[in-house]
Amino acid sequence: MRTLILSDIHGNLPALRAILEVESDFNRCLFLGDVVDYGPFPKECIAFLDARMTLGVLGNHDNAIARNADCGCRDDFIRLSEETRAWHKSLLGADELEFLRSLPPTVWTRIEGKEILIAHASPHGNIFRYIHEEEVEHAVAGIVADFILLGHTHVQFKRQFGPLTVVNPGSVGLARDSQDGGEACYAVLCDGSMELKRIPYDVDLTIEALREAPISAYSINRLTSILRGQRV
């Protein structure tokens, strides 16, 4: 049994499709939040989740667009988020917004006999808190589980604390730890073992679609730099 674990898709359909081409035999799909903002294909990415997601949780960007709320993202990403969110809001229908509103902040599940806690940012349900790898041990203290799955930082890691494994699969659509850009990050749980993965995708397809977006040249150029793996 294979469980596909995705986080922070951010409207990047070419990245998502690249993963699905090599992971077509998954039995379950867990989603750790943030399907919207930044990328050019929010409708298509939501449609995939609506059809194939087994369990998922709410991301801060999902919450912002679904409830007209503050995204609470990093200061240097606020303009990018606000401009692309306004664009995405014009693309999404009532059913898609309701899908996002239906996502809970955390979910517990049991897979292959393993107790798993799923959250976007904090295991305690705060969808805005950035928990970096060096902060994880303190953040998960006192939680009894086999796996805790977190997203939000767009940086992939796996840490072991006794019987507990904490995993951030990284970002499908806007990886912040890619050396050369054009990588889609995710994780797979199979036979009780968790594997982190990253694969190349055609980033030019995403950038070409972004260049047609009704957002500023500043946002297009900055998102292009991030997608290409440049530190900005």
Protein backbone atom coordinates (compact mmCIF):
# COMPACT_ATOMS: atom_id res chain seq x y z
CA MET A 1 0.00 0.00 0.00
CA ARG A 2 1.38 3.39 -1.03
CA THR A 3 0.33 6.66 0.54
CA LEU A 4 1.20 9.78 -1.45
CA ILE A 5 1.86 12.84 0.73
CA LEU A 6 1.60 16.27 -0.87
CA SER A 7 1.91 19.78 0.53
CA ASP A 8 1.99 23.35 -0.75
CA ILE A 9 0.91 22.67 -4.33
CA HIS A 10 0.23 26.39 -4.87
CA GLY A 11 -1.50 26.08 -8.22
CA ASN A 12 1.48 24.47 -9.95
CA LEU A 13 -0.15 21.87 -12.19
CA PRO A 14 2.99 20.90 -14.19
CA ALA A 15 4.74 20.03 -10.90
CA LEU A 16 1.73 18.04 -9.67
CA ARG A 17 1.43 16.17 -12.96
CA ALA A 18 5.10 15.24 -12.89
CA ILE A 19 4.58 13.57 -9.51
CA LEU A 20 1.46 11.75 -10.68
CA GLU A 21 3.29 10.38 -13.70
CA VAL A 22 5.73 8.51 -11.46
CA GLU A 23 3.34 7.82 -8.55
CA SER A 24 0.28 6.63 -10.45
CA ASP A 25 -0.14 3.54 -8.27
CA PHE A 26 -0.82 5.26 -4.93
CA ASN A 27 -3.64 3.93 -2.75
CA ARG A 28 -4.18 7.02 -0.61
CA CYS A 29 -3.37 10.71 -0.90
CA LEU A 30 -2.78 12.95 2.12
CA PHE A 31 -2.72 16.71 1.56
CA LEU A 32 -1.03 19.06 4.05
CA GLY A 33 -2.55 22.34 2.87
CA ASP A 34 -2.05 25.28 0.49
CA VAL A 35 -3.33 24.38 -2.94
CA VAL A 36 -3.87 28.03 -3.97
CA ASP A 37 -1.88 31.28 -4.38
CA TYR A 38 1.27 31.86 -6.46
CA GLY A 39 0.77 29.36 -9.30
CA PRO A 40 -1.36 29.64 -12.45
CA PHE A 41 -3.63 26.57 -12.15
CA PRO A 42 -5.67 26.67 -8.91
CA LYS A 43 -8.86 25.17 -10.41
CA GLU A 44 -7.10 22.15 -11.85
CA CYS A 45 -5.18 21.47 -8.65
CA ILE A 46 -8.32 21.72 -6.51
CA ALA A 47 -10.10 19.38 -8.92
CA PHE A 48 -7.37 16.79 -8.41
CA LEU A 49 -7.67 17.00 -4.63
CA ASP A 50 -11.46 16.86 -4.75
CA ALA A 51 -11.26 13.68 -6.82
CA ARG A 52 -8.25 11.86 -5.34
CA MET A 53 -7.49 13.19 -1.85
CA THR A 54 -8.15 10.76 0.99
CA LEU A 55 -7.58 13.24 3.82
CA GLY A 56 -6.40 16.84 3.86
CA VAL A 57 -5.97 19.87 6.06
CA LEU A 58 -6.35 23.62 5.68
CA GLY A 59 -3.39 25.80 4.74
CA ASN A 60 -3.07 29.49 5.53
CA HIS A 61 -3.48 30.44 1.86
CA ASP A 62 -6.50 28.15 1.48
CA ASN A 63 -8.03 29.84 4.51
CA ALA A 64 -7.27 33.32 3.17
CA ILE A 65 -9.00 32.83 -0.15
CA ALA A 66 -11.93 30.82 1.22
CA ARG A 67 -12.70 33.18 4.11
CA ASN A 68 -11.35 36.54 2.87
CA ALA A 69 -8.78 36.44 5.65
CA ASP A 70 -5.16 37.47 6.10
CA CYS A 71 -2.78 34.80 4.81
CA GLY A 72 -0.29 35.46 7.62
CA CYS A 73 2.61 34.68 5.31
CA ARG A 74 6.15 36.04 5.39
CA ASP A 75 6.49 39.77 4.81
CA ASP A 76 8.47 39.26 1.60
CA PHE A 77 5.67 37.11 0.16
CA ILE A 78 2.66 39.25 1.08
CA ARG A 79 2.49 41.12 -2.24
CA LEU A 80 2.86 37.90 -4.21
CA SER A 81 0.12 36.28 -2.17
CA GLU A 82 -2.30 39.19 -2.38
CA GLU A 83 -1.94 39.66 -6.13
CA THR A 84 -2.25 35.98 -7.02
CA ARG A 85 -5.08 35.47 -4.52
CA ALA A 86 -7.17 38.19 -6.14
CA TRP A 87 -6.58 36.51 -9.49
CA HIS A 88 -7.42 33.04 -8.12
CA LYS A 89 -10.56 34.36 -6.48
CA SER A 90 -11.79 35.40 -9.92
CA LEU A 91 -11.19 31.85 -11.23
CA LEU A 92 -12.75 29.76 -8.47
CA GLY A 93 -16.42 28.95 -8.09
CA ALA A 94 -18.56 28.48 -5.00
CA ASP A 95 -18.00 24.71 -4.90
CA GLU A 96 -14.22 25.13 -4.96
CA LEU A 97 -14.30 27.70 -2.17
CA GLU A 98 -16.55 25.42 -0.13
CA PHE A 99 -14.08 22.58 -0.65
CA LEU A 100 -11.35 24.74 0.85
CA ARG A 101 -13.57 25.83 3.75
CA SER A 102 -14.34 22.18 4.51
CA LEU A 103 -10.70 21.37 5.27
CA PRO A 104 -9.93 21.05 9.02
CA PRO A 105 -6.76 22.47 10.65
CA THR A 106 -5.56 19.02 11.79
CA VAL A 107 -6.51 15.39 11.21
CA TRP A 108 -5.58 12.18 12.98
CA THR A 109 -5.58 8.95 10.99
CA ARG A 110 -4.29 5.40 11.22
CA ILE A 111 -2.54 3.86 8.23
CA GLU A 112 -0.81 0.47 8.19
CA GLY A 113 -1.13 0.37 11.97
CA LYS A 114 0.63 3.72 12.36
CA GLU A 115 -0.90 6.68 14.22
CA ILE A 116 -0.49 9.79 12.06
CA LEU A 117 -1.16 13.44 12.83
CA ILE A 118 -1.57 15.69 9.79
CA ALA A 119 -1.26 19.49 10.02
CA HIS A 120 -0.25 22.34 7.75
CA ALA A 121 2.06 24.36 10.00
CA SER A 122 1.81 23.53 13.70
CA PRO A 123 0.76 20.12 15.03
CA HIS A 124 -1.47 22.02 17.46
CA GLY A 125 -3.53 23.56 14.65
CA ASN A 126 -1.97 27.00 14.19
CA ILE A 127 -1.97 27.30 10.38
CA PHE A 128 0.38 30.30 10.39
CA ARG A 129 3.34 29.19 12.52
CA TYR A 130 6.57 28.38 10.71
CA ILE A 131 8.24 25.36 12.31
CA HIS A 132 11.70 24.91 10.90
CA GLU A 133 13.71 21.72 11.25
CA GLU A 134 15.75 22.95 14.21
CA GLU A 135 12.53 23.81 16.11
CA VAL A 136 10.69 20.56 15.52
CA GLU A 137 11.65 18.64 18.66
CA HIS A 138 10.24 21.35 20.93
CA ALA A 139 7.13 21.85 18.76
CA VAL A 140 6.09 18.18 18.91
CA ALA A 141 6.96 17.53 22.55
CA GLY A 142 4.27 15.56 24.35
CA ILE A 143 2.49 14.36 21.20
CA VAL A 144 2.17 10.59 21.03
CA ALA A 145 2.18 9.39 17.42
CA ASP A 146 4.18 7.36 14.95
CA PHE A 147 4.28 10.12 12.34
CA ILE A 148 3.57 13.85 12.37
CA LEU A 149 3.23 15.37 8.90
CA LEU A 150 3.81 19.12 8.51
CA GLY A 151 4.15 21.51 5.56
CA HIS A 152 4.17 25.33 5.28
CA THR A 153 7.94 26.01 5.21
CA HIS A 154 8.47 24.64 1.67
CA VAL A 155 11.61 22.92 2.98
CA GLN A 156 11.82 19.13 3.03
CA PHE A 157 13.04 17.20 6.08
CA LYS A 158 12.58 14.05 8.16
CA ARG A 159 13.51 13.88 11.85
CA GLN A 160 13.34 10.99 14.28
CA PHE A 161 12.61 11.45 18.00
CA GLY A 162 12.41 8.01 19.58
CA PRO A 163 9.37 6.23 18.12
CA LEU A 164 8.12 9.48 16.51
CA THR A 165 9.04 10.55 12.97
CA VAL A 166 8.31 14.13 11.93
CA VAL A 167 8.14 14.71 8.20
CA ASN A 168 7.86 17.79 6.03
CA PRO A 169 7.49 16.56 2.42
CA GLY A 170 8.48 19.96 1.06
CA SER A 171 6.51 21.90 -1.52
CA VAL A 172 5.06 20.40 -4.67
CA GLY A 173 4.76 23.73 -6.42
CA LEU A 174 7.16 26.25 -4.90
CA ALA A 175 10.12 24.48 -3.33
CA ARG A 176 12.42 26.75 -1.33
CA ASP A 177 15.24 24.22 -1.02
CA SER A 178 15.83 23.39 -4.67
CA GLN A 179 19.35 24.09 -5.90
CA ASP A 180 18.49 24.64 -9.54
CA GLY A 181 14.70 25.04 -9.46
CA GLY A 182 12.17 22.98 -11.33
CA GLU A 183 11.78 20.34 -8.61
CA ALA A 184 8.56 19.00 -7.13
CA CYS A 185 8.90 17.66 -3.58
CA TYR A 186 6.71 15.09 -1.83
CA ALA A 187 6.82 11.97 0.34
CA VAL A 188 5.58 8.40 0.14
CA LEU A 189 4.63 6.10 3.02
CA CYS A 190 4.88 2.43 2.05
CA ASP A 191 4.95 -0.62 4.32
CA GLY A 192 5.55 1.60 7.34
CA SER A 193 8.57 3.34 5.81
CA MET A 194 8.57 7.05 4.94
CA GLU A 195 10.60 8.20 1.92
CA LEU A 196 11.23 11.79 0.91
CA LYS A 197 11.27 12.40 -2.82
CA ARG A 198 11.93 15.21 -5.28
CA ILE A 199 11.66 15.04 -9.05
CA PRO A 200 12.21 17.48 -11.93
CA TYR A 201 9.31 18.99 -13.84
CA ASP A 202 8.99 21.38 -16.78
CA VAL A 203 9.11 24.65 -14.87
CA ASP A 204 8.91 26.62 -18.12
CA LEU A 205 5.28 25.51 -18.54
CA THR A 206 4.44 27.09 -15.19
CA ILE A 207 6.38 30.26 -15.95
CA GLU A 208 4.79 30.65 -19.37
CA ALA A 209 1.33 30.48 -17.81
CA LEU A 210 2.34 32.96 -15.11
CA ARG A 211 3.42 35.46 -17.76
CA GLU A 212 -0.18 35.55 -18.97
CA ALA A 213 -1.51 36.26 -15.48
CA PRO A 214 -3.20 39.56 -14.55
CA ILE A 215 -0.58 40.36 -11.90
CA SER A 216 2.30 42.83 -11.78
CA ALA A 217 5.60 42.35 -13.58
CA TYR A 218 7.24 42.49 -10.14
CA SER A 219 5.28 39.44 -8.94
CA ILE A 220 5.78 37.52 -12.17
CA ASN A 221 9.54 38.12 -12.10
CA ARG A 222 9.89 37.27 -8.43
CA LEU A 223 7.85 34.07 -8.71
CA THR A 224 9.89 33.13 -11.78
CA SER A 225 13.10 33.55 -9.78
CA ILE A 226 11.77 31.36 -6.96
CA LEU A 227 10.58 28.68 -9.38
CA ARG A 228 14.03 28.62 -10.96
CA GLY A 229 15.64 28.09 -7.56
CA GLN A 230 17.18 31.54 -7.22
CA ARG A 231 17.45 32.93 -3.69
CA VAL A 232 15.39 36.12 -3.50
